[in-house]
Amino acid sequence: MLRMSKLADYGTVVMTAMARAPERMQR
C-alpha cells in the first residue's frame, strides 16, 4: 500500500513538473 501511495505522489510531482516546464520535458 505504501508503495502505491509513493508511486501516486511521484506521478503527481512528475505531472506538475511537466505542466510547469513543458519545454524542458519536450526534447
C-alpha atoms as a PDB file:
ATOM      1  CA  MET A   1       0.000   0.000   0.000  1.00  0.00           C
ATOM      2  CA  LEU A   2       2.806   2.394   0.885  1.00  0.00           C
ATOM      3  CA  ARG A   3       4.413   1.752  -2.490  1.00  0.00           C
ATOM      4  CA  MET A   4       1.180   2.646  -4.291  1.00  0.00           C
ATOM      5  CA  SER A   5       0.965   5.928  -2.367  1.00  0.00           C
ATOM      6  CA  LYS A   6       4.589   6.738  -3.146  1.00  0.00           C
ATOM      7  CA  LEU A   7       4.015   5.994  -6.834  1.00  0.00           C
ATOM      8  CA  ALA A   8       0.905   8.192  -6.865  1.00  0.00           C
ATOM      9  CA  ASP A   9       2.805  11.045  -5.194  1.00  0.00           C
ATOM     10  CA  TYR A  10       5.696  10.661  -7.641  1.00  0.00           C
ATOM     11  CA  GLY A  11       3.284  10.686 -10.575  1.00  0.00           C
ATOM     12  CA  THR A  12       1.669  13.879  -9.283  1.00  0.00           C
ATOM     13  CA  VAL A  13       5.079  15.533  -8.919  1.00  0.00           C
ATOM     14  CA  VAL A  14       6.052  14.492 -12.442  1.00  0.00           C
ATOM     15  CA  MET A  15       2.778  15.811 -13.886  1.00  0.00           C
ATOM     16  CA  THR A  16       3.266  19.106 -12.028  1.00  0.00           C
ATOM     17  CA  ALA A  17       6.836  19.411 -13.305  1.00  0.00           C
ATOM     18  CA  MET A  18       5.680  18.742 -16.888  1.00  0.00           C
ATOM     19  CA  ALA A  19       2.916  21.335 -16.556  1.00  0.00           C
ATOM     20  CA  ARG A  20       5.365  23.839 -15.060  1.00  0.00           C
ATOM     21  CA  ALA A  21       8.208  23.303 -17.548  1.00  0.00           C
ATOM     22  CA  PRO A  22       6.860  21.577 -20.675  1.00  0.00           C
ATOM     23  CA  GLU A  23       9.762  22.958 -22.702  1.00  0.00           C
ATOM     24  CA  ARG A  24      12.244  21.027 -20.575  1.00  0.00           C
ATOM     25  CA  MET A  25      10.349  17.736 -20.967  1.00  0.00           C
ATOM     26  CA  GLN A  26       9.918  18.153 -24.728  1.00  0.00           C
ATOM     27  CA  ARG A  27      13.201  17.058 -26.316  1.00  0.00           C
END
